[in-house]
Amino acid sequence: MPMPADDRLIVALDVPNVVQGLELVNRIGDAVSFYKIGLGMLTGGGFALANELKQELGKRVFLDMKLFDIGATVEAAVRGIAQYDLDFLTVHGDPQVVRAAAEGRKGRPTQILAVTVLTSLDRADLDANLIKAGDIHEITLERAARALEAGADGVIASPQEAAMIRALPQAAGKLIVTPGVRPAGAAVGDQKRIATPAQAIGDGADHIVVGRPVWQAADPRVAAQVIVAELRR
């Protein structure tokens, strides 16, 4: 009997266009129930694919747009996206951005997830970006708390911060979604702060996002099933 999908696993469809995205989803079949579509596929039909996955194939969809703009623009963008009832939408975790997104989403089920500090960044990157001095984990924790207070339904954070964020009073009942997850033995790629699937869930994440270790695998369906089996152990 095949192992049923586990929506704690979100597979990132980091392929160039809707044709390749659909082909990958069809290869994976019922082994995955939740997909992430990001900016990289936006011009390749990503929004159309998001709707097809949700409406036609019954999948859950995480639209990873990382919106950042003035409040009125963020609110309008989120209102437009939320009418499609996709499951998750990301915005940058600045409180004014989160408040605008929460206002734009009103009355719809789409959950707003705040990006704290991108998992590809380290302290040297923060210095280059003129972000205040201090430990990157503490800055991430502070940004998470502020975003949750501003009305985010959850946060995107590295697995290495998941346990600290889960312990925040503001995180009660909120989601933690962790990219930067690599199954044991997988290539690290451009991520600098990573963990295995089981570690991330054990540390308080509700969902993990895995891309290349699934879609670059010789058999993406089997790769996804291996991750699900690890989560269930």
Protein backbone atom coordinates (compact mmCIF):
# COMPACT_ATOMS: atom_id res chain seq x y z
CA MET A 1 0.00 0.00 0.00
CA PRO A 2 1.53 3.39 -1.00
CA MET A 3 2.42 5.82 1.76
CA PRO A 4 -0.12 8.68 1.85
CA ALA A 5 1.08 12.26 1.42
CA ASP A 6 2.00 14.29 4.51
CA ASP A 7 1.30 18.01 4.20
CA ARG A 8 4.16 18.83 6.56
CA LEU A 9 6.29 18.35 3.43
CA ILE A 10 6.04 21.23 0.96
CA VAL A 11 7.86 20.61 -2.31
CA ALA A 12 9.26 23.72 -3.99
CA LEU A 13 8.55 23.71 -7.73
CA ASP A 14 11.72 25.62 -8.58
CA VAL A 15 11.50 24.83 -12.29
CA PRO A 16 11.29 27.44 -15.08
CA ASN A 17 7.73 27.12 -16.28
CA VAL A 18 4.26 25.68 -15.86
CA VAL A 19 4.89 22.82 -18.31
CA GLN A 20 7.84 21.49 -16.32
CA GLY A 21 6.00 22.18 -13.08
CA LEU A 22 2.97 20.11 -14.11
CA GLU A 23 5.20 17.35 -15.43
CA LEU A 24 6.95 17.17 -12.05
CA VAL A 25 3.66 17.18 -10.13
CA ASN A 26 2.36 14.36 -12.31
CA ARG A 27 5.54 12.32 -11.73
CA ILE A 28 5.22 12.76 -7.97
CA GLY A 29 1.50 11.96 -8.02
CA ASP A 30 -0.22 11.41 -4.68
CA ALA A 31 3.07 11.27 -2.74
CA VAL A 32 2.93 15.08 -2.18
CA SER A 33 -0.08 17.20 -1.29
CA PHE A 34 1.53 20.65 -0.84
CA TYR A 35 3.60 22.67 -3.31
CA LYS A 36 5.45 25.98 -3.24
CA ILE A 37 5.59 28.28 -6.25
CA GLY A 38 8.00 31.19 -6.12
CA LEU A 39 9.12 34.24 -8.03
CA GLY A 40 11.38 32.19 -10.31
CA MET A 41 8.33 30.75 -12.08
CA LEU A 42 6.18 33.86 -12.06
CA THR A 43 6.89 34.75 -15.70
CA GLY A 44 6.65 31.07 -16.67
CA GLY A 45 2.98 30.74 -15.74
CA GLY A 46 3.47 30.25 -12.01
CA PHE A 47 0.22 31.88 -10.97
CA ALA A 48 -1.77 29.82 -13.47
CA LEU A 49 -0.05 26.70 -12.16
CA ALA A 50 -0.90 27.67 -8.58
CA ASN A 51 -4.58 27.88 -9.51
CA GLU A 52 -4.52 24.62 -11.42
CA LEU A 53 -2.88 22.80 -8.51
CA LYS A 54 -5.45 24.20 -6.09
CA GLN A 55 -8.64 24.09 -8.12
CA GLU A 56 -8.11 21.13 -10.48
CA LEU A 57 -5.74 18.81 -8.60
CA GLY A 58 -6.83 19.48 -5.02
CA LYS A 59 -3.32 20.33 -3.81
CA ARG A 60 -2.42 22.87 -1.16
CA VAL A 61 -0.41 25.80 -2.51
CA PHE A 62 2.19 28.09 -0.97
CA LEU A 63 2.75 31.20 -3.12
CA ASP A 64 6.19 32.48 -2.17
CA MET A 65 6.19 36.08 -3.41
CA LYS A 66 8.00 37.75 -0.45
CA LEU A 67 6.04 40.94 -1.06
CA PHE A 68 7.63 44.21 0.05
CA ASP A 69 6.30 47.67 -0.81
CA ILE A 70 4.38 50.57 0.68
CA GLY A 71 1.35 49.56 2.70
CA ALA A 72 -1.33 50.44 0.16
CA THR A 73 0.42 48.47 -2.57
CA VAL A 74 0.96 45.39 -0.38
CA GLU A 75 -2.67 45.52 0.75
CA ALA A 76 -3.92 45.71 -2.85
CA ALA A 77 -1.62 42.91 -4.02
CA VAL A 78 -2.66 40.62 -1.19
CA ARG A 79 -6.34 41.36 -1.73
CA GLY A 80 -5.95 40.36 -5.37
CA ILE A 81 -4.07 37.15 -4.57
CA ALA A 82 -6.29 36.16 -1.64
CA GLN A 83 -9.40 35.91 -3.84
CA TYR A 84 -7.93 32.65 -5.21
CA ASP A 85 -7.88 31.06 -1.73
CA LEU A 86 -4.32 29.77 -1.98
CA ASP A 87 -3.07 28.44 1.34
CA PHE A 88 0.09 30.42 2.18
CA LEU A 89 1.49 33.72 0.92
CA THR A 90 4.80 35.24 2.01
CA VAL A 91 5.61 38.89 2.70
CA HIS A 92 8.71 40.43 4.22
CA GLY A 93 8.45 40.50 7.99
CA ASP A 94 8.62 44.27 8.51
CA PRO A 95 5.65 45.09 10.76
CA GLN A 96 4.13 47.70 8.43
CA VAL A 97 4.23 45.22 5.53
CA VAL A 98 2.66 42.46 7.64
CA ARG A 99 -0.13 44.76 8.86
CA ALA A 100 -0.96 45.76 5.29
CA ALA A 101 -0.96 42.13 4.15
CA ALA A 102 -3.23 41.09 7.02
CA GLU A 103 -5.64 43.86 6.05
CA GLY A 104 -5.61 42.80 2.39
CA ARG A 105 -6.29 39.17 3.29
CA LYS A 106 -9.31 39.92 5.51
CA GLY A 107 -12.16 37.49 5.02
CA ARG A 108 -10.16 34.96 3.00
CA PRO A 109 -8.46 31.75 4.19
CA THR A 110 -5.00 32.56 2.77
CA GLN A 111 -2.48 32.62 5.61
CA ILE A 112 0.20 35.33 5.68
CA LEU A 113 3.71 34.12 6.46
CA ALA A 114 6.44 36.61 7.30
CA VAL A 115 10.01 36.23 6.11
CA THR A 116 12.39 36.94 8.98
CA VAL A 117 15.95 36.65 7.63
CA LEU A 118 16.49 34.77 4.36
CA THR A 119 18.11 31.38 4.96
CA SER A 120 20.78 32.12 2.35
CA LEU A 121 22.14 35.03 4.44
CA ASP A 122 24.83 35.09 7.12
CA ARG A 123 26.23 37.86 9.32
CA ALA A 124 28.52 39.16 6.56
CA ASP A 125 25.46 39.60 4.33
CA LEU A 126 23.63 41.49 7.07
CA ASP A 127 26.63 43.80 7.46
CA ALA A 128 26.63 44.48 3.72
CA ASN A 129 22.90 45.28 3.95
CA LEU A 130 23.43 47.69 6.88
CA ILE A 131 21.39 45.53 9.24
CA LYS A 132 22.15 46.32 12.87
CA ALA A 133 24.99 44.52 14.64
CA GLY A 134 24.24 41.38 16.62
CA ASP A 135 23.78 37.65 16.43
CA ILE A 136 21.81 36.58 13.34
CA HIS A 137 19.68 34.16 15.38
CA GLU A 138 18.70 36.91 17.86
CA ILE A 139 17.83 39.31 15.03
CA THR A 140 15.70 36.61 13.40
CA LEU A 141 13.96 35.95 16.71
CA GLU A 142 13.20 39.64 17.21
CA ARG A 143 11.90 40.03 13.66
CA ALA A 144 9.69 36.96 14.11
CA ALA A 145 8.18 38.33 17.33
CA ARG A 146 7.45 41.70 15.72
CA ALA A 147 5.91 40.13 12.61
CA LEU A 148 3.64 37.88 14.69
CA GLU A 149 2.56 40.85 16.81
CA ALA A 150 1.74 42.72 13.59
CA GLY A 151 -0.70 40.00 12.52
CA ALA A 152 1.25 37.34 10.62
CA ASP A 153 -0.23 33.84 10.74
CA GLY A 154 3.27 32.41 10.91
CA VAL A 155 6.87 32.92 9.93
CA ILE A 156 9.42 31.55 7.52
CA ALA A 157 12.63 30.80 9.40
CA SER A 158 15.72 28.67 9.17
CA PRO A 159 15.54 25.32 10.98
CA GLN A 160 18.22 26.61 13.31
CA GLU A 161 15.83 29.26 14.66
CA ALA A 162 12.67 27.11 14.74
CA ALA A 163 13.00 26.03 18.37
CA MET A 164 13.69 29.57 19.57
CA ILE A 165 10.73 30.97 17.65
CA ARG A 166 8.44 28.18 18.85
CA ALA A 167 9.29 29.20 22.43
CA LEU A 168 8.14 32.81 21.87
CA PRO A 169 4.86 33.73 23.58
CA GLN A 170 3.82 35.37 20.29
CA ALA A 171 4.24 32.02 18.46
CA ALA A 172 1.44 30.21 20.29
CA GLY A 173 -0.94 28.85 17.65
CA LYS A 174 1.16 30.26 14.82
CA LEU A 175 2.89 28.47 11.93
CA ILE A 176 6.62 27.97 11.47
CA VAL A 177 7.66 27.01 7.95
CA THR A 178 11.31 26.13 7.35
CA PRO A 179 13.20 26.20 4.07
CA GLY A 180 16.87 25.25 4.14
CA VAL A 181 15.91 21.62 4.80
CA ARG A 182 18.14 18.95 3.31
CA PRO A 183 17.69 15.19 3.77
CA ALA A 184 20.80 13.48 5.10
CA GLY A 185 23.40 13.20 2.34
CA ALA A 186 21.80 15.81 0.06
CA ALA A 187 23.86 18.66 -1.42
CA VAL A 188 23.73 21.89 0.59
CA GLY A 189 23.45 24.17 -2.48
CA ASP A 190 23.22 27.91 -1.70
CA GLN A 191 21.75 27.49 1.77
CA LYS A 192 23.91 28.46 4.76
CA ARG A 193 21.63 27.52 7.67
CA ILE A 194 20.23 24.00 7.19
CA ALA A 195 18.87 20.92 9.01
CA THR A 196 17.39 17.54 8.16
CA PRO A 197 13.59 17.15 7.88
CA ALA A 198 13.28 15.32 11.21
CA GLN A 199 15.41 17.91 13.01
CA ALA A 200 13.32 20.79 11.68
CA ILE A 201 10.00 19.23 12.72
CA GLY A 202 11.46 18.18 16.07
CA ASP A 203 12.55 21.77 16.68
CA GLY A 204 9.05 23.13 16.23
CA ALA A 205 8.47 23.58 12.49
CA ASP A 206 4.96 22.84 11.20
CA HIS A 207 6.05 22.49 7.58
CA ILE A 208 9.37 21.99 5.80
CA VAL A 209 10.15 23.17 2.29
CA VAL A 210 12.32 20.91 0.13
CA GLY A 211 13.21 21.69 -3.48
CA ARG A 212 16.25 20.33 -5.27
CA PRO A 213 16.58 17.08 -3.26
CA VAL A 214 13.16 16.14 -4.68
CA TRP A 215 12.99 17.64 -8.16
CA GLN A 216 16.61 16.86 -9.07
CA ALA A 217 16.25 13.25 -7.94
CA ALA A 218 16.20 10.47 -10.53
CA ASP A 219 12.76 9.55 -9.14
CA PRO A 220 11.14 12.59 -7.45
CA ARG A 221 8.23 10.49 -6.17
CA VAL A 222 10.55 8.14 -4.29
CA ALA A 223 12.60 11.07 -2.99
CA ALA A 224 9.44 12.62 -1.54
CA GLN A 225 8.35 9.31 0.00
CA VAL A 226 11.74 8.94 1.71
CA ILE A 227 11.31 12.37 3.32
CA VAL A 228 7.75 11.56 4.44
CA ALA A 229 8.99 8.30 5.94
CA GLU A 230 11.65 10.24 7.87
CA LEU A 231 9.04 12.69 9.16
CA ARG A 232 6.85 9.82 10.39
CA ARG A 233 9.70 8.14 12.22
